């Protein structure tokens, strides 16, 4: 695998973090990178699917927590989800840049 493959693999995960923090839709970044590079590199294809699945799972978790804000437990859950997403996203980015595959521990596999 080339250095470009590693960089784009890392970008799959980092773009999710950036999109989550700016527009709140973390799946958009990995989706764009994955659609552009999936046919050119199996490595980027695998990381793109993993990142996309994670950020779609994250979107569902946040959607479930938003109504729970009314009973105040949702605020705590949203904070936990945010910290978890940040930590796991950074770990996945580092692993991708080092040439290793990373599997998020809590993730629904929408795209296989």
N, C-alpha and C. Protein backbone atom coordinates (compact mmCIF):
# COMPACT_ATOMS: atom_id res chain seq x y z
N UNK A 1 0.85 -1.18 0.00
CA UNK A 1 0.00 0.00 0.00
C UNK A 1 0.89 1.24 0.00
N UNK A 2 0.43 2.23 -0.69
CA UNK A 2 1.22 3.45 -0.84
C UNK A 2 0.95 4.43 0.30
N UNK A 3 1.78 5.46 0.34
CA UNK A 3 1.58 6.50 1.34
C UNK A 3 0.26 7.24 1.09
N UNK A 4 -0.12 7.38 -0.17
CA UNK A 4 -1.41 8.00 -0.49
C UNK A 4 -2.57 7.19 0.07
N UNK A 5 -2.48 5.87 -0.02
CA UNK A 5 -3.53 5.01 0.54
C UNK A 5 -3.65 5.24 2.04
N UNK A 6 -2.52 5.30 2.73
CA UNK A 6 -2.54 5.53 4.18
C UNK A 6 -3.14 6.90 4.50
N UNK A 7 -2.76 7.89 3.71
CA UNK A 7 -3.27 9.25 3.95
C UNK A 7 -4.77 9.32 3.74
N UNK A 8 -5.26 8.71 2.67
CA UNK A 8 -6.70 8.74 2.42
C UNK A 8 -7.46 7.86 3.42
N UNK A 9 -6.84 6.78 3.87
CA UNK A 9 -7.45 5.97 4.93
C UNK A 9 -7.63 6.78 6.20
N UNK A 10 -6.58 7.54 6.55
CA UNK A 10 -6.66 8.41 7.72
C UNK A 10 -7.71 9.51 7.51
N UNK A 11 -7.76 10.04 6.29
CA UNK A 11 -8.71 11.11 5.98
C UNK A 11 -10.16 10.64 6.11
N UNK A 12 -10.41 9.37 5.84
CA UNK A 12 -11.76 8.82 6.02
C UNK A 12 -12.23 9.04 7.46
N UNK A 13 -11.34 8.77 8.41
CA UNK A 13 -11.71 8.89 9.81
C UNK A 13 -11.70 10.35 10.28
N UNK A 14 -10.68 11.10 9.90
CA UNK A 14 -10.58 12.50 10.32
C UNK A 14 -11.69 13.36 9.73
N UNK A 15 -12.09 13.07 8.50
CA UNK A 15 -13.16 13.86 7.89
C UNK A 15 -14.48 13.67 8.65
N UNK A 16 -14.66 12.50 9.23
CA UNK A 16 -15.85 12.27 10.07
C UNK A 16 -15.83 13.12 11.32
N UNK A 17 -14.65 13.22 11.95
CA UNK A 17 -14.53 14.07 13.13
C UNK A 17 -14.77 15.53 12.79
N UNK A 18 -14.19 15.97 11.69
CA UNK A 18 -14.34 17.37 11.29
C UNK A 18 -15.80 17.68 10.93
N UNK A 19 -16.42 16.79 10.16
CA UNK A 19 -17.82 17.02 9.77
C UNK A 19 -18.74 16.97 10.98
N UNK A 20 -18.44 16.11 11.94
CA UNK A 20 -19.26 16.03 13.16
C UNK A 20 -19.20 17.33 13.95
N UNK A 21 -18.00 17.88 14.04
CA UNK A 21 -17.85 19.09 14.86
C UNK A 21 -18.32 20.35 14.16
N UNK A 22 -18.37 20.35 12.83
CA UNK A 22 -18.77 21.57 12.13
C UNK A 22 -20.24 21.56 11.71
N UNK A 23 -20.66 20.53 11.00
CA UNK A 23 -22.04 20.52 10.52
C UNK A 23 -22.91 19.50 11.24
N UNK A 24 -22.31 18.68 12.11
CA UNK A 24 -23.08 17.72 12.87
C UNK A 24 -23.44 16.46 12.13
N UNK A 25 -22.99 16.33 10.90
CA UNK A 25 -23.27 15.12 10.11
C UNK A 25 -21.95 14.44 9.77
N UNK A 26 -21.44 13.66 10.71
CA UNK A 26 -20.14 13.04 10.58
C UNK A 26 -19.99 12.08 9.43
N UNK A 27 -21.07 11.54 8.94
CA UNK A 27 -20.98 10.56 7.86
C UNK A 27 -20.67 11.20 6.51
N UNK A 28 -20.85 12.50 6.37
CA UNK A 28 -20.67 13.18 5.08
C UNK A 28 -19.21 13.12 4.63
N UNK A 29 -18.28 13.42 5.53
CA UNK A 29 -16.86 13.40 5.18
C UNK A 29 -16.39 12.03 4.72
N UNK A 30 -16.59 10.98 5.53
CA UNK A 30 -16.17 9.65 5.10
C UNK A 30 -16.87 9.20 3.82
N UNK A 31 -18.12 9.59 3.65
CA UNK A 31 -18.86 9.21 2.45
C UNK A 31 -18.20 9.79 1.20
N UNK A 32 -17.82 11.06 1.26
CA UNK A 32 -17.19 11.71 0.11
C UNK A 32 -15.85 11.06 -0.21
N UNK A 33 -15.01 10.87 0.81
CA UNK A 33 -13.69 10.26 0.57
C UNK A 33 -13.86 8.84 0.05
N UNK A 34 -14.76 8.08 0.63
CA UNK A 34 -14.97 6.70 0.23
C UNK A 34 -15.48 6.61 -1.21
N UNK A 35 -16.44 7.44 -1.57
CA UNK A 35 -16.97 7.40 -2.94
C UNK A 35 -15.92 7.77 -3.98
N UNK A 36 -15.03 8.68 -3.63
CA UNK A 36 -13.99 9.10 -4.57
C UNK A 36 -12.91 8.04 -4.73
N UNK A 37 -12.50 7.39 -3.65
CA UNK A 37 -11.31 6.52 -3.67
C UNK A 37 -11.59 5.02 -3.56
N UNK A 38 -12.83 4.60 -3.39
CA UNK A 38 -13.11 3.18 -3.12
C UNK A 38 -12.69 2.24 -4.25
N UNK A 39 -12.78 2.68 -5.47
CA UNK A 39 -12.42 1.82 -6.59
C UNK A 39 -10.92 1.83 -6.89
N UNK A 40 -10.19 2.75 -6.30
CA UNK A 40 -8.76 2.88 -6.57
C UNK A 40 -7.89 2.15 -5.55
N UNK A 41 -8.44 1.90 -4.36
CA UNK A 41 -7.63 1.29 -3.31
C UNK A 41 -8.50 0.45 -2.38
N UNK A 42 -8.21 -0.85 -2.27
CA UNK A 42 -8.95 -1.68 -1.32
C UNK A 42 -8.75 -1.23 0.13
N UNK A 43 -7.59 -0.67 0.41
CA UNK A 43 -7.30 -0.18 1.76
C UNK A 43 -8.21 0.99 2.13
N UNK A 44 -8.32 1.94 1.23
CA UNK A 44 -9.20 3.10 1.47
C UNK A 44 -10.65 2.65 1.47
N UNK A 45 -10.99 1.68 0.65
CA UNK A 45 -12.35 1.14 0.63
C UNK A 45 -12.72 0.57 2.00
N UNK A 46 -11.82 -0.21 2.58
CA UNK A 46 -12.09 -0.82 3.89
C UNK A 46 -12.21 0.24 4.99
N UNK A 47 -11.30 1.20 5.00
CA UNK A 47 -11.35 2.25 6.03
C UNK A 47 -12.56 3.16 5.81
N UNK A 48 -12.90 3.42 4.56
CA UNK A 48 -14.07 4.26 4.28
C UNK A 48 -15.36 3.61 4.77
N UNK A 49 -15.49 2.31 4.52
CA UNK A 49 -16.68 1.59 5.01
C UNK A 49 -16.74 1.61 6.53
N UNK A 50 -15.60 1.37 7.16
CA UNK A 50 -15.56 1.34 8.63
C UNK A 50 -15.94 2.70 9.21
N UNK A 51 -15.36 3.77 8.65
CA UNK A 51 -15.66 5.12 9.15
C UNK A 51 -17.11 5.48 8.88
N UNK A 52 -17.59 5.16 7.70
CA UNK A 52 -18.97 5.47 7.35
C UNK A 52 -19.95 4.74 8.27
N UNK A 53 -19.70 3.47 8.52
CA UNK A 53 -20.56 2.72 9.44
C UNK A 53 -20.55 3.33 10.84
N UNK A 54 -19.37 3.73 11.30
CA UNK A 54 -19.28 4.31 12.65
C UNK A 54 -20.05 5.62 12.75
N UNK A 55 -19.87 6.49 11.77
CA UNK A 55 -20.53 7.80 11.86
C UNK A 55 -22.04 7.71 11.60
N UNK A 56 -22.47 6.71 10.87
CA UNK A 56 -23.93 6.48 10.75
C UNK A 56 -24.48 5.97 12.08
N UNK A 57 -23.73 5.08 12.73
CA UNK A 57 -24.13 4.59 14.05
C UNK A 57 -24.18 5.74 15.05
N UNK A 58 -23.20 6.62 14.96
CA UNK A 58 -23.15 7.80 15.84
C UNK A 58 -24.35 8.70 15.61
N UNK A 59 -24.74 8.89 14.36
CA UNK A 59 -25.91 9.71 14.04
C UNK A 59 -27.18 9.14 14.68
N UNK A 60 -27.33 7.83 14.61
CA UNK A 60 -28.49 7.18 15.23
C UNK A 60 -28.45 7.35 16.75
N UNK A 61 -27.28 7.18 17.36
CA UNK A 61 -27.16 7.33 18.81
C UNK A 61 -27.52 8.75 19.25
N UNK A 62 -27.06 9.74 18.51
CA UNK A 62 -27.38 11.13 18.85
C UNK A 62 -28.87 11.39 18.68
N UNK A 63 -29.46 10.84 17.61
CA UNK A 63 -30.90 11.03 17.38
C UNK A 63 -31.73 10.42 18.51
N UNK A 64 -31.26 9.32 19.07
CA UNK A 64 -31.96 8.70 20.20
C UNK A 64 -31.79 9.53 21.46
N UNK A 65 -30.62 10.14 21.64
CA UNK A 65 -30.35 10.92 22.86
C UNK A 65 -31.02 12.28 22.89
N UNK A 66 -31.27 12.86 21.73
CA UNK A 66 -31.84 14.21 21.71
C UNK A 66 -33.16 14.30 22.46
N UNK A 67 -34.12 13.38 22.26
CA UNK A 67 -35.36 13.48 23.05
C UNK A 67 -35.13 13.25 24.55
N UNK A 68 -34.07 12.52 24.88
CA UNK A 68 -33.79 12.25 26.29
C UNK A 68 -33.23 13.46 27.03
N UNK A 69 -32.89 14.50 26.28
CA UNK A 69 -32.42 15.75 26.90
C UNK A 69 -33.51 16.32 27.80
N UNK A 70 -34.75 16.08 27.45
CA UNK A 70 -35.86 16.59 28.25
C UNK A 70 -35.87 16.02 29.67
N UNK A 71 -35.33 14.83 29.84
CA UNK A 71 -35.27 14.26 31.18
C UNK A 71 -33.83 14.28 31.71
N UNK A 72 -32.98 15.10 31.09
CA UNK A 72 -31.62 15.41 31.53
C UNK A 72 -30.61 14.27 31.40
N UNK A 73 -31.05 13.05 31.21
CA UNK A 73 -30.10 11.95 31.01
C UNK A 73 -29.46 12.06 29.61
N UNK A 74 -30.17 12.68 28.69
CA UNK A 74 -29.66 12.84 27.33
C UNK A 74 -28.43 13.71 27.26
N UNK A 75 -28.34 14.70 28.13
CA UNK A 75 -27.17 15.59 28.14
C UNK A 75 -25.91 14.79 28.49
N UNK A 76 -26.01 13.97 29.52
CA UNK A 76 -24.88 13.14 29.92
C UNK A 76 -24.51 12.15 28.81
N UNK A 77 -25.50 11.54 28.21
CA UNK A 77 -25.24 10.59 27.12
C UNK A 77 -24.61 11.27 25.92
N UNK A 78 -25.04 12.47 25.58
CA UNK A 78 -24.45 13.20 24.46
C UNK A 78 -23.00 13.54 24.74
N UNK A 79 -22.68 13.89 25.96
CA UNK A 79 -21.28 14.18 26.33
C UNK A 79 -20.43 12.92 26.20
N UNK A 80 -20.94 11.81 26.69
CA UNK A 80 -20.22 10.54 26.60
C UNK A 80 -20.01 10.14 25.15
N UNK A 81 -21.05 10.29 24.33
CA UNK A 81 -20.94 9.96 22.91
C UNK A 81 -19.91 10.85 22.22
N UNK A 82 -19.91 12.13 22.54
CA UNK A 82 -18.95 13.06 21.94
C UNK A 82 -17.51 12.72 22.29
N UNK A 83 -17.26 12.45 23.55
CA UNK A 83 -15.90 12.08 23.98
C UNK A 83 -15.49 10.76 23.35
N UNK A 84 -16.40 9.80 23.35
CA UNK A 84 -16.10 8.50 22.73
C UNK A 84 -15.81 8.61 21.25
N UNK A 85 -16.59 9.42 20.55
CA UNK A 85 -16.37 9.60 19.12
C UNK A 85 -15.02 10.24 18.85
N UNK A 86 -14.65 11.21 19.67
CA UNK A 86 -13.35 11.87 19.51
C UNK A 86 -12.20 10.89 19.73
N UNK A 87 -12.26 10.15 20.81
CA UNK A 87 -11.18 9.20 21.13
C UNK A 87 -11.09 8.12 20.07
N UNK A 88 -12.22 7.51 19.73
CA UNK A 88 -12.19 6.43 18.74
C UNK A 88 -11.80 6.92 17.35
N UNK A 89 -12.24 8.12 17.00
CA UNK A 89 -11.87 8.69 15.70
C UNK A 89 -10.37 8.94 15.59
N UNK A 90 -9.77 9.43 16.67
CA UNK A 90 -8.33 9.67 16.67
C UNK A 90 -7.57 8.33 16.62
N UNK A 91 -8.01 7.35 17.39
CA UNK A 91 -7.36 6.03 17.36
C UNK A 91 -7.44 5.41 15.97
N UNK A 92 -8.59 5.53 15.33
CA UNK A 92 -8.76 4.97 13.98
C UNK A 92 -7.89 5.71 12.97
N UNK A 93 -7.78 7.02 13.10
CA UNK A 93 -6.95 7.81 12.19
C UNK A 93 -5.49 7.43 12.31
N UNK A 94 -5.02 7.28 13.52
CA UNK A 94 -3.63 6.90 13.75
C UNK A 94 -3.36 5.50 13.19
N UNK A 95 -4.27 4.59 13.45
CA UNK A 95 -4.10 3.22 12.94
C UNK A 95 -4.07 3.20 11.42
N UNK A 96 -4.95 3.96 10.79
CA UNK A 96 -4.99 4.01 9.33
C UNK A 96 -3.70 4.58 8.76
N UNK A 97 -3.16 5.61 9.40
CA UNK A 97 -1.93 6.22 8.92
C UNK A 97 -0.73 5.29 9.11
N UNK A 98 -0.80 4.42 10.11
CA UNK A 98 0.27 3.45 10.35
C UNK A 98 0.14 2.21 9.47
N UNK A 99 -0.93 2.15 8.68
CA UNK A 99 -1.11 1.01 7.79
C UNK A 99 -1.86 -0.16 8.40
N UNK A 100 -2.50 0.06 9.54
CA UNK A 100 -3.25 -1.00 10.21
C UNK A 100 -4.75 -0.77 10.02
N UNK A 101 -5.50 -1.86 10.04
CA UNK A 101 -6.95 -1.76 9.98
C UNK A 101 -7.48 -1.52 11.38
N UNK A 102 -8.49 -0.68 11.51
CA UNK A 102 -9.10 -0.39 12.80
C UNK A 102 -10.58 -0.69 12.71
N UNK A 103 -11.09 -1.42 13.69
CA UNK A 103 -12.53 -1.71 13.76
C UNK A 103 -13.08 -1.04 15.00
N UNK A 104 -14.06 -0.17 14.79
CA UNK A 104 -14.69 0.51 15.92
C UNK A 104 -15.41 -0.52 16.78
N UNK A 105 -15.27 -0.43 18.12
CA UNK A 105 -15.86 -1.44 18.99
C UNK A 105 -17.39 -1.43 19.03
N UNK A 106 -18.00 -0.27 18.88
CA UNK A 106 -19.46 -0.18 18.93
C UNK A 106 -19.90 0.41 17.60
N UNK A 107 -20.33 -0.47 16.71
CA UNK A 107 -20.63 0.01 15.36
C UNK A 107 -21.60 -0.95 14.68
N UNK A 108 -22.63 -0.41 14.08
CA UNK A 108 -23.55 -1.21 13.28
C UNK A 108 -22.99 -1.29 11.88
N UNK A 109 -22.91 -2.46 11.32
CA UNK A 109 -22.33 -2.66 9.99
C UNK A 109 -23.42 -2.49 8.93
N UNK A 110 -23.64 -1.25 8.50
CA UNK A 110 -24.60 -0.97 7.45
C UNK A 110 -24.05 -1.35 6.09
N UNK A 111 -22.79 -1.04 5.85
CA UNK A 111 -22.11 -1.31 4.58
C UNK A 111 -21.06 -2.37 4.84
N UNK A 112 -21.12 -3.45 4.12
CA UNK A 112 -20.19 -4.55 4.35
C UNK A 112 -19.14 -4.63 3.27
